[in-house]
C-alpha atoms as a PDB file:
ATOM      1  CA  UNK A   1      26.314  12.003  26.372  1.00  0.00           C
ATOM      2  CA  UNK A   2      23.492  10.388  24.912  1.00  0.00           C
ATOM      3  CA  UNK A   3      22.953   9.617  21.306  1.00  0.00           C
ATOM      4  CA  UNK A   4      20.780  12.080  19.464  1.00  0.00           C
ATOM      5  CA  UNK A   5      18.792   9.406  17.328  1.00  0.00           C
ATOM      6  CA  UNK A   6      17.207  12.037  15.046  1.00  0.00           C
ATOM      7  CA  UNK A   7      20.687  13.390  13.762  1.00  0.00           C
ATOM      8  CA  UNK A   8      22.138   9.782  13.619  1.00  0.00           C
ATOM      9  CA  UNK A   9      18.932   9.211  10.899  1.00  0.00           C
ATOM     10  CA  UNK A  10      19.949  12.230   9.099  1.00  0.00           C
ATOM     11  CA  UNK A  11      17.200  14.527  10.516  1.00  0.00           C
ATOM     12  CA  UNK A  12      19.202  17.766  11.358  1.00  0.00           C
ATOM     13  CA  UNK A  13      17.677  20.820   9.417  1.00  0.00           C
ATOM     14  CA  UNK A  14      14.421  22.902  10.925  1.00  0.00           C
ATOM     15  CA  UNK A  15      14.187  25.271   8.046  1.00  0.00           C
ATOM     16  CA  UNK A  16      13.442  22.873   5.092  1.00  0.00           C
ATOM     17  CA  UNK A  17      11.059  20.905   7.148  1.00  0.00           C
ATOM     18  CA  UNK A  18       8.984  23.975   8.277  1.00  0.00           C
ATOM     19  CA  UNK A  19       9.104  25.331   4.598  1.00  0.00           C
ATOM     20  CA  UNK A  20       7.596  21.980   3.287  1.00  0.00           C
ATOM     21  CA  UNK A  21       4.932  21.665   6.048  1.00  0.00           C
ATOM     22  CA  UNK A  22       3.957  25.504   4.959  1.00  0.00           C
ATOM     23  CA  UNK A  23       3.765  24.590   1.137  1.00  0.00           C
ATOM     24  CA  UNK A  24       1.671  21.372   1.858  1.00  0.00           C
ATOM     25  CA  UNK A  25      -0.863  23.035   4.176  1.00  0.00           C
ATOM     26  CA  UNK A  26      -2.905  24.949   1.361  1.00  0.00           C
ATOM     27  CA  UNK A  27      -3.132  21.941  -0.700  1.00  0.00           C
ATOM     28  CA  UNK A  28      -5.349  20.118   1.887  1.00  0.00           C
ATOM     29  CA  UNK A  29      -8.364  22.611   1.438  1.00  0.00           C
ATOM     30  CA  UNK A  30      -7.922  22.614  -2.212  1.00  0.00           C
ATOM     31  CA  UNK A  31      -8.458  18.855  -2.486  1.00  0.00           C
ATOM     32  CA  UNK A  32     -11.398  19.022   0.239  1.00  0.00           C
ATOM     33  CA  UNK A  33     -12.928  21.514  -2.101  1.00  0.00           C
ATOM     34  CA  UNK A  34     -13.119  18.979  -4.883  1.00  0.00           C
ATOM     35  CA  UNK A  35     -15.419  16.975  -2.937  1.00  0.00           C
ATOM     36  CA  UNK A  36     -18.286  19.705  -3.691  1.00  0.00           C
ATOM     37  CA  UNK A  37     -18.029  18.589  -7.285  1.00  0.00           C
ATOM     38  CA  UNK A  38     -18.977  15.194  -6.390  1.00  0.00           C
ATOM     39  CA  UNK A  39     -15.418  13.580  -6.639  1.00  0.00           C
ATOM     40  CA  UNK A  40     -14.802  11.457  -3.606  1.00  0.00           C
ATOM     41  CA  UNK A  41     -11.997   8.870  -3.664  1.00  0.00           C
ATOM     42  CA  UNK A  42      -9.051  10.335  -4.939  1.00  0.00           C
ATOM     43  CA  UNK A  43      -9.391  13.923  -3.288  1.00  0.00           C
ATOM     44  CA  UNK A  44      -9.776  12.232  -0.012  1.00  0.00           C
ATOM     45  CA  UNK A  45      -6.550  10.027  -0.632  1.00  0.00           C
ATOM     46  CA  UNK A  46      -4.732  13.234  -1.202  1.00  0.00           C
ATOM     47  CA  UNK A  47      -6.004  15.424   1.501  1.00  0.00           C
ATOM     48  CA  UNK A  48      -4.876  12.847   3.626  1.00  0.00           C
ATOM     49  CA  UNK A  49      -1.490  12.643   2.115  1.00  0.00           C
ATOM     50  CA  UNK A  50      -0.913  16.073   2.423  1.00  0.00           C
ATOM     51  CA  UNK A  51      -2.221  16.019   6.101  1.00  0.00           C
ATOM     52  CA  UNK A  52       0.316  13.111   6.692  1.00  0.00           C
ATOM     53  CA  UNK A  53       3.334  15.136   4.867  1.00  0.00           C
ATOM     54  CA  UNK A  54       2.390  18.419   7.077  1.00  0.00           C
ATOM     55  CA  UNK A  55       2.621  16.148  10.191  1.00  0.00           C
ATOM     56  CA  UNK A  56       6.035  14.654   8.815  1.00  0.00           C
ATOM     57  CA  UNK A  57       7.726  18.103   8.483  1.00  0.00           C
ATOM     58  CA  UNK A  58       6.272  19.314  11.579  1.00  0.00           C
ATOM     59  CA  UNK A  59       7.938  16.138  13.338  1.00  0.00           C
ATOM     60  CA  UNK A  60      11.120  16.600  11.362  1.00  0.00           C
ATOM     61  CA  UNK A  61      11.663  20.283  12.622  1.00  0.00           C
ATOM     62  CA  UNK A  62      10.521  19.424  16.157  1.00  0.00           C
ATOM     63  CA  UNK A  63      13.090  16.528  16.391  1.00  0.00           C
ATOM     64  CA  UNK A  64      15.706  18.445  14.507  1.00  0.00           C
ATOM     65  CA  UNK A  65      15.370  21.357  16.976  1.00  0.00           C
ATOM     66  CA  UNK A  66      15.067  19.427  20.161  1.00  0.00           C
ATOM     67  CA  UNK A  67      17.747  16.974  21.405  1.00  0.00           C
ATOM     68  CA  UNK A  68      15.038  15.538  23.872  1.00  0.00           C
ATOM     69  CA  UNK A  69      12.463  15.004  21.235  1.00  0.00           C
ATOM     70  CA  UNK A  70      14.987  13.718  18.822  1.00  0.00           C
ATOM     71  CA  UNK A  71      16.074  11.160  21.426  1.00  0.00           C
ATOM     72  CA  UNK A  72      12.383   9.762  21.635  1.00  0.00           C
ATOM     73  CA  UNK A  73      12.270   6.647  19.618  1.00  0.00           C
ATOM     74  CA  UNK A  74       8.524   6.499  19.531  1.00  0.00           C
ATOM     75  CA  UNK A  75       8.395   9.966  17.629  1.00  0.00           C
ATOM     76  CA  UNK A  76      11.111   8.651  15.048  1.00  0.00           C
ATOM     77  CA  UNK A  77       9.084   5.429  14.224  1.00  0.00           C
ATOM     78  CA  UNK A  78       5.893   7.529  13.858  1.00  0.00           C
ATOM     79  CA  UNK A  79       7.794   9.633  11.446  1.00  0.00           C
ATOM     80  CA  UNK A  80       9.138   6.822   9.529  1.00  0.00           C
ATOM     81  CA  UNK A  81       5.658   4.883   9.352  1.00  0.00           C
ATOM     82  CA  UNK A  82       4.036   8.143   8.198  1.00  0.00           C
ATOM     83  CA  UNK A  83       6.713   8.627   5.441  1.00  0.00           C
ATOM     84  CA  UNK A  84       6.167   5.060   4.199  1.00  0.00           C
ATOM     85  CA  UNK A  85       2.012   5.424   4.198  1.00  0.00           C
ATOM     86  CA  UNK A  86       2.377   8.835   2.065  1.00  0.00           C
ATOM     87  CA  UNK A  87       4.111   7.541  -0.728  1.00  0.00           C
ATOM     88  CA  UNK A  88       1.224   4.796  -1.246  1.00  0.00           C
ATOM     89  CA  UNK A  89      -1.473   7.616  -1.749  1.00  0.00           C
ATOM     90  CA  UNK A  90       0.444   9.274  -4.505  1.00  0.00           C
ATOM     91  CA  UNK A  91       1.128   6.047  -6.413  1.00  0.00           C
ATOM     92  CA  UNK A  92      -2.457   4.859  -5.814  1.00  0.00           C
ATOM     93  CA  UNK A  93      -3.750   8.091  -7.254  1.00  0.00           C
ATOM     94  CA  UNK A  94      -1.509   8.235 -10.445  1.00  0.00           C
ATOM     95  CA  UNK A  95      -2.164   4.733 -11.367  1.00  0.00           C
ATOM     96  CA  UNK A  96      -5.980   4.985 -10.927  1.00  0.00           C
ATOM     97  CA  UNK A  97      -6.281   7.940 -13.078  1.00  0.00           C
ATOM     98  CA  UNK A  98      -3.835   6.615 -15.730  1.00  0.00           C
ATOM     99  CA  UNK A  99      -5.872   3.286 -15.751  1.00  0.00           C
ATOM    100  CA  UNK A 100      -9.373   5.041 -15.779  1.00  0.00           C
ATOM    101  CA  UNK A 101      -8.181   7.046 -18.556  1.00  0.00           C
ATOM    102  CA  UNK A 102      -6.797   4.342 -20.428  1.00  0.00           C
ATOM    103  CA  UNK A 103      -9.790   2.192 -20.359  1.00  0.00           C
ATOM    104  CA  UNK A 104     -11.389   5.123 -22.097  1.00  0.00           C
ATOM    105  CA  UNK A 105      -9.344   5.462 -25.185  1.00  0.00           C
ATOM    106  CA  UNK A 106      -7.820   2.046 -25.564  1.00  0.00           C
ATOM    107  CA  UNK A 107      -9.594  -1.647 -25.548  1.00  0.00           C
ATOM    108  CA  UNK A 108      -8.599  -4.093 -22.640  1.00  0.00           C
ATOM    109  CA  UNK A 109      -5.266  -5.701 -23.918  1.00  0.00           C
ATOM    110  CA  UNK A 110      -5.677  -9.669 -25.141  1.00  0.00           C
ATOM    111  CA  UNK A 111      -2.295 -10.295 -23.415  1.00  0.00           C
ATOM    112  CA  UNK A 112      -2.872 -11.952 -19.991  1.00  0.00           C
ATOM    113  CA  UNK A 113       0.131 -10.026 -18.329  1.00  0.00           C
ATOM    114  CA  UNK A 114      -0.984  -6.786 -19.707  1.00  0.00           C
ATOM    115  CA  UNK A 115      -4.635  -7.169 -18.330  1.00  0.00           C
ATOM    116  CA  UNK A 116      -2.941  -8.189 -15.089  1.00  0.00           C
ATOM    117  CA  UNK A 117      -0.949  -4.988 -15.023  1.00  0.00           C
ATOM    118  CA  UNK A 118      -4.359  -3.154 -15.490  1.00  0.00           C
ATOM    119  CA  UNK A 119      -5.983  -4.413 -13.018  1.00  0.00           C
ATOM    120  CA  UNK A 120      -6.267  -2.048 -10.254  1.00  0.00           C
ATOM    121  CA  UNK A 121      -7.299  -4.316  -7.471  1.00  0.00           C
ATOM    122  CA  UNK A 122      -4.211  -6.311  -7.871  1.00  0.00           C
ATOM    123  CA  UNK A 123      -1.969  -3.158  -8.126  1.00  0.00           C
ATOM    124  CA  UNK A 124      -3.414  -1.772  -4.991  1.00  0.00           C
ATOM    125  CA  UNK A 125      -3.353  -4.849  -3.105  1.00  0.00           C
ATOM    126  CA  UNK A 126       0.448  -5.397  -3.801  1.00  0.00           C
ATOM    127  CA  UNK A 127       1.090  -1.707  -3.097  1.00  0.00           C
ATOM    128  CA  UNK A 128      -0.698  -2.107   0.395  1.00  0.00           C
ATOM    129  CA  UNK A 129       1.652  -5.288   1.067  1.00  0.00           C
ATOM    130  CA  UNK A 130       4.637  -3.011   0.204  1.00  0.00           C
ATOM    131  CA  UNK A 131       3.525  -0.427   2.874  1.00  0.00           C
ATOM    132  CA  UNK A 132       2.979  -3.110   5.498  1.00  0.00           C
ATOM    133  CA  UNK A 133       6.461  -4.383   4.786  1.00  0.00           C
ATOM    134  CA  UNK A 134       7.935  -0.982   4.964  1.00  0.00           C
ATOM    135  CA  UNK A 135       5.818  -0.364   8.467  1.00  0.00           C
ATOM    136  CA  UNK A 136       7.261  -3.571   9.952  1.00  0.00           C
ATOM    137  CA  UNK A 137      10.906  -2.640   8.991  1.00  0.00           C
ATOM    138  CA  UNK A 138      10.663   0.895  10.299  1.00  0.00           C
ATOM    139  CA  UNK A 139       9.443  -0.473  13.649  1.00  0.00           C
ATOM    140  CA  UNK A 140      12.009  -3.008  13.703  1.00  0.00           C
ATOM    141  CA  UNK A 141      15.192  -1.073  12.669  1.00  0.00           C
ATOM    142  CA  UNK A 142      14.150   2.148  15.001  1.00  0.00           C
ATOM    143  CA  UNK A 143      13.282   0.173  18.058  1.00  0.00           C
ATOM    144  CA  UNK A 144      14.835   1.242  21.245  1.00  0.00           C
ATOM    145  CA  UNK A 145      16.820  -1.817  21.904  1.00  0.00           C
ATOM    146  CA  UNK A 146      16.705  -3.968  18.440  1.00  0.00           C
ATOM    147  CA  UNK A 147      18.402  -7.153  18.582  1.00  0.00           C
ATOM    148  CA  UNK A 148      20.592  -8.137  15.780  1.00  0.00           C
ATOM    149  CA  UNK A 149      17.883 -10.285  14.087  1.00  0.00           C
ATOM    150  CA  UNK A 150      15.427  -7.468  14.197  1.00  0.00           C
ATOM    151  CA  UNK A 151      17.772  -5.134  12.584  1.00  0.00           C
ATOM    152  CA  UNK A 152      18.565  -7.434   9.729  1.00  0.00           C
ATOM    153  CA  UNK A 153      14.864  -8.704   9.401  1.00  0.00           C
ATOM    154  CA  UNK A 154      14.134  -4.945   9.199  1.00  0.00           C
ATOM    155  CA  UNK A 155      16.780  -4.373   6.469  1.00  0.00           C
ATOM    156  CA  UNK A 156      15.228  -7.223   4.439  1.00  0.00           C
ATOM    157  CA  UNK A 157      11.714  -6.161   4.659  1.00  0.00           C
ATOM    158  CA  UNK A 158      12.590  -2.525   3.805  1.00  0.00           C
ATOM    159  CA  UNK A 159      14.568  -3.661   0.768  1.00  0.00           C
ATOM    160  CA  UNK A 160      11.625  -5.834  -0.375  1.00  0.00           C
ATOM    161  CA  UNK A 161       9.299  -3.064   0.065  1.00  0.00           C
ATOM    162  CA  UNK A 162      11.414  -0.593  -1.789  1.00  0.00           C
ATOM    163  CA  UNK A 163      11.903  -3.057  -4.539  1.00  0.00           C
ATOM    164  CA  UNK A 164       8.056  -3.604  -4.790  1.00  0.00           C
ATOM    165  CA  UNK A 165       7.589   0.072  -4.827  1.00  0.00           C
ATOM    166  CA  UNK A 166       9.873   0.617  -7.815  1.00  0.00           C
ATOM    167  CA  UNK A 167       8.407  -2.335  -9.816  1.00  0.00           C
ATOM    168  CA  UNK A 168       4.845  -0.761  -9.247  1.00  0.00           C
ATOM    169  CA  UNK A 169       6.180   2.979 -10.332  1.00  0.00           C
ATOM    170  CA  UNK A 170       7.970   1.345 -13.423  1.00  0.00           C
ATOM    171  CA  UNK A 171       4.775  -0.059 -14.263  1.00  0.00           C
ATOM    172  CA  UNK A 172       2.870   3.209 -13.593  1.00  0.00           C
ATOM    173  CA  UNK A 173       5.176   4.877 -16.010  1.00  0.00           C
ATOM    174  CA  UNK A 174       4.713   2.406 -18.676  1.00  0.00           C
ATOM    175  CA  UNK A 175       0.799   2.666 -18.377  1.00  0.00           C
ATOM    176  CA  UNK A 176       1.325   6.622 -18.601  1.00  0.00           C
ATOM    177  CA  UNK A 177       3.423   6.287 -21.755  1.00  0.00           C
ATOM    178  CA  UNK A 178       0.830   3.730 -23.137  1.00  0.00           C
ATOM    179  CA  UNK A 179      -1.768   6.262 -22.300  1.00  0.00           C
ATOM    180  CA  UNK A 180      -0.064   9.214 -24.127  1.00  0.00           C
ATOM    181  CA  UNK A 181       0.337   7.167 -27.277  1.00  0.00           C
ATOM    182  CA  UNK A 182      -3.285   6.069 -27.172  1.00  0.00           C
ATOM    183  CA  UNK A 183      -4.701   9.536 -26.772  1.00  0.00           C
ATOM    184  CA  UNK A 184      -2.445  10.837 -29.716  1.00  0.00           C
ATOM    185  CA  UNK A 185      -3.531   7.953 -31.620  1.00  0.00           C
ATOM    186  CA  UNK A 186      -7.156   8.690 -30.928  1.00  0.00           C
ATOM    187  CA  UNK A 187      -6.832  12.607 -31.391  1.00  0.00           C
ATOM    188  CA  UNK A 188      -8.524  12.924 -27.721  1.00  0.00           C
ATOM    189  CA  UNK A 189      -7.662  16.818 -27.684  1.00  0.00           C
ATOM    190  CA  UNK A 190     -10.345  17.210 -30.078  1.00  0.00           C
ATOM    191  CA  UNK A 191     -12.841  16.693 -27.405  1.00  0.00           C
ATOM    192  CA  UNK A 192     -12.462  20.281 -26.535  1.00  0.00           C
ATOM    193  CA  UNK A 193     -11.603  19.862 -22.710  1.00  0.00           C
ATOM    194  CA  UNK A 194     -12.513  23.161 -20.579  1.00  0.00           C
ATOM    195  CA  UNK A 195      -9.618  23.576 -18.331  1.00  0.00           C
ATOM    196  CA  UNK A 196      -5.939  23.376 -18.723  1.00  0.00           C
ATOM    197  CA  UNK A 197      -5.388  20.222 -16.601  1.00  0.00           C
ATOM    198  CA  UNK A 198      -7.843  18.239 -18.711  1.00  0.00           C
ATOM    199  CA  UNK A 199      -6.490  19.741 -22.138  1.00  0.00           C
ATOM    200  CA  UNK A 200      -2.932  18.523 -21.118  1.00  0.00           C
ATOM    201  CA  UNK A 201      -3.780  15.872 -18.477  1.00  0.00           C
ATOM    202  CA  UNK A 202      -1.857  13.000 -20.217  1.00  0.00           C
ATOM    203  CA  UNK A 203       1.429  15.017 -20.340  1.00  0.00           C
ATOM    204  CA  UNK A 204       0.661  16.165 -16.703  1.00  0.00           C
ATOM    205  CA  UNK A 205       0.289  12.470 -15.624  1.00  0.00           C
ATOM    206  CA  UNK A 206       3.516  11.866 -17.410  1.00  0.00           C
ATOM    207  CA  UNK A 207       5.321  14.372 -15.707  1.00  0.00           C
ATOM    208  CA  UNK A 208       3.778  13.231 -12.024  1.00  0.00           C
ATOM    209  CA  UNK A 209       4.916   9.501 -13.130  1.00  0.00           C
ATOM    210  CA  UNK A 210       8.655  10.696 -13.768  1.00  0.00           C
ATOM    211  CA  UNK A 211       8.613  12.770 -10.608  1.00  0.00           C
ATOM    212  CA  UNK A 212       7.317   9.350  -8.715  1.00  0.00           C
ATOM    213  CA  UNK A 213      10.192   7.325 -10.574  1.00  0.00           C
ATOM    214  CA  UNK A 214      12.932   9.957  -9.534  1.00  0.00           C
ATOM    215  CA  UNK A 215      11.522   9.286  -5.778  1.00  0.00           C
ATOM    216  CA  UNK A 216      11.860   5.612  -6.229  1.00  0.00           C
ATOM    217  CA  UNK A 217      14.909   5.206  -7.993  1.00  0.00           C
ATOM    218  CA  UNK A 218      16.733   7.126  -5.417  1.00  0.00           C
ATOM    219  CA  UNK A 219      15.127   4.996  -2.919  1.00  0.00           C
ATOM    220  CA  UNK A 220      16.166   2.021  -4.423  1.00  0.00           C
ATOM    221  CA  UNK A 221      19.974   2.907  -5.217  1.00  0.00           C
ATOM    222  CA  UNK A 222      20.424   3.862  -1.427  1.00  0.00           C
ATOM    223  CA  UNK A 223      18.230   1.096   0.058  1.00  0.00           C
ATOM    224  CA  UNK A 224      21.610  -0.355   1.699  1.00  0.00           C
ATOM    225  CA  UNK A 225      22.837   2.887   2.546  1.00  0.00           C
ATOM    226  CA  UNK A 226      20.621   4.375   5.158  1.00  0.00           C
ATOM    227  CA  UNK A 227      23.164   7.300   5.828  1.00  0.00           C
ATOM    228  CA  UNK A 228      22.866   8.405   2.273  1.00  0.00           C
ATOM    229  CA  UNK A 229      19.306   7.448   2.139  1.00  0.00           C
ATOM    230  CA  UNK A 230      18.604   9.851   5.041  1.00  0.00           C
ATOM    231  CA  UNK A 231      21.215  12.592   3.977  1.00  0.00           C
ATOM    232  CA  UNK A 232      19.142  15.761   3.681  1.00  0.00           C
ATOM    233  CA  UNK A 233      21.242  17.139   0.888  1.00  0.00           C
ATOM    234  CA  UNK A 234      19.687  14.194  -1.231  1.00  0.00           C
ATOM    235  CA  UNK A 235      16.522  13.588   0.647  1.00  0.00           C
ATOM    236  CA  UNK A 236      14.798  16.989   0.340  1.00  0.00           C
ATOM    237  CA  UNK A 237      15.480  17.370  -3.657  1.00  0.00           C
ATOM    238  CA  UNK A 238      14.893  13.542  -4.407  1.00  0.00           C
ATOM    239  CA  UNK A 239      12.606  12.731  -2.349  1.00  0.00           C
ATOM    240  CA  UNK A 240      10.440  15.362  -0.453  1.00  0.00           C
ATOM    241  CA  UNK A 241      10.497  17.799  -3.481  1.00  0.00           C
ATOM    242  CA  UNK A 242       9.378  15.265  -6.223  1.00  0.00           C
ATOM    243  CA  UNK A 243       6.429  14.249  -3.823  1.00  0.00           C
ATOM    244  CA  UNK A 244       5.469  17.757  -3.337  1.00  0.00           C
ATOM    245  CA  UNK A 245       5.622  18.511  -7.162  1.00  0.00           C
ATOM    246  CA  UNK A 246       3.088  15.427  -7.514  1.00  0.00           C
ATOM    247  CA  UNK A 247       0.869  16.786  -5.155  1.00  0.00           C
ATOM    248  CA  UNK A 248       0.828  20.235  -7.042  1.00  0.00           C
ATOM    249  CA  UNK A 249       0.174  18.533 -10.196  1.00  0.00           C
ATOM    250  CA  UNK A 250      -2.793  16.831  -8.895  1.00  0.00           C
ATOM    251  CA  UNK A 251      -4.294  20.098  -7.872  1.00  0.00           C
ATOM    252  CA  UNK A 252      -4.121  21.423 -11.236  1.00  0.00           C
ATOM    253  CA  UNK A 253      -7.706  22.043 -12.369  1.00  0.00           C
ATOM    254  CA  UNK A 254      -9.069  19.237 -14.497  1.00  0.00           C
ATOM    255  CA  UNK A 255      -6.377  16.776 -13.664  1.00  0.00           C
ATOM    256  CA  UNK A 256      -8.677  15.004 -11.214  1.00  0.00           C
ATOM    257  CA  UNK A 257     -11.756  14.991 -13.507  1.00  0.00           C
ATOM    258  CA  UNK A 258     -15.255  15.789 -12.253  1.00  0.00           C
ATOM    259  CA  UNK A 259     -18.285  13.724 -13.309  1.00  0.00           C
ATOM    260  CA  UNK A 260     -19.085  16.418 -16.068  1.00  0.00           C
ATOM    261  CA  UNK A 261     -15.692  16.353 -17.515  1.00  0.00           C
ATOM    262  CA  UNK A 262     -15.821  12.482 -17.336  1.00  0.00           C
ATOM    263  CA  UNK A 263     -19.139  12.350 -19.205  1.00  0.00           C
ATOM    264  CA  UNK A 264     -17.981  14.840 -21.935  1.00  0.00           C
ATOM    265  CA  UNK A 265     -14.921  12.640 -22.415  1.00  0.00           C
ATOM    266  CA  UNK A 266     -16.849   9.589 -22.508  1.00  0.00           C
ATOM    267  CA  UNK A 267     -19.325  11.047 -25.121  1.00  0.00           C
ATOM    268  CA  UNK A 268     -16.498  12.370 -27.327  1.00  0.00           C
ATOM    269  CA  UNK A 269     -14.717   8.989 -27.273  1.00  0.00           C
ATOM    270  CA  UNK A 270     -18.096   6.670 -27.376  1.00  0.00           C
ATOM    271  CA  UNK A 271     -16.600   3.939 -25.062  1.00  0.00           C
ATOM    272  CA  UNK A 272     -17.683   2.595 -21.902  1.00  0.00           C
ATOM    273  CA  UNK A 273     -16.623   4.409 -18.948  1.00  0.00           C
ATOM    274  CA  UNK A 274     -14.497   3.335 -15.877  1.00  0.00           C
ATOM    275  CA  UNK A 275     -14.468   6.010 -13.361  1.00  0.00           C
ATOM    276  CA  UNK A 276     -13.311   4.564 -10.114  1.00  0.00           C
ATOM    277  CA  UNK A 277     -11.247   7.438  -9.304  1.00  0.00           C
ATOM    278  CA  UNK A 278     -13.794   9.995  -9.630  1.00  0.00           C
ATOM    279  CA  UNK A 279     -16.023   8.465  -7.280  1.00  0.00           C
ATOM    280  CA  UNK A 280     -18.610   6.797  -9.569  1.00  0.00           C
ATOM    281  CA  UNK A 281     -18.745   3.002  -9.562  1.00  0.00           C
ATOM    282  CA  UNK A 282     -16.411   1.191 -11.813  1.00  0.00           C
ATOM    283  CA  UNK A 283     -16.947  -2.492 -13.325  1.00  0.00           C
ATOM    284  CA  UNK A 284     -15.108  -5.237 -11.815  1.00  0.00           C
ATOM    285  CA  UNK A 285     -11.701  -5.780 -13.470  1.00  0.00           C
END
């Protein structure tokens, strides 16, 4: 009797995979509609993320329901790679929103370390390295005939990628807490935002950062225990659900600012604008 690789990796349930695929699907047009307001980069990233997650859960549903497909290594590698790529989009968006808004209401830090932490290019480059390491690790450990060296290398790369993502997520949470404190001290709420999301954006971003942190803490705690990491009793509530909550929070009107909202915030604070996430040109950092 052949080994069912999907079940060995912990992919066994069809229903939750179908439910998450259905839940993610309407978020795609929601983010695409934001393009009509002149916001380009982040809605595209989130649309791609939601599309990837729909694909991931469709694959999980198929491999869980079919032993033939569940034994197809190429399909399982594709699923693992898509899972790795998707988280980059969530973290990319959260960090960009927080730093862009933080640059509005707080001066650039004088400490070189804090300036480096707020540098979006460096942050995105490190996150991209983590994604590449994760993809290589997934390919090595789920190949059809991995050697012992491949498996060990895959584990090492996976652990390195997970630790990098944890550090980046902690930095993202730190930046969000800094944003909340800065906006409270400057009474940003007096700028009379026009939507629920723009009124409570810093609190929403803090909740979003906490969800990302939950996801990464679990991934880090289980990075040496693949069976627990892929156990659906833990994976769905501690990985899949926090990611979905993050996507829903991004969809709240006003969280992703349109150009008019950005201009109103800029005028109320009377500070130079950094609007890379909203799709406008941002100065070099």
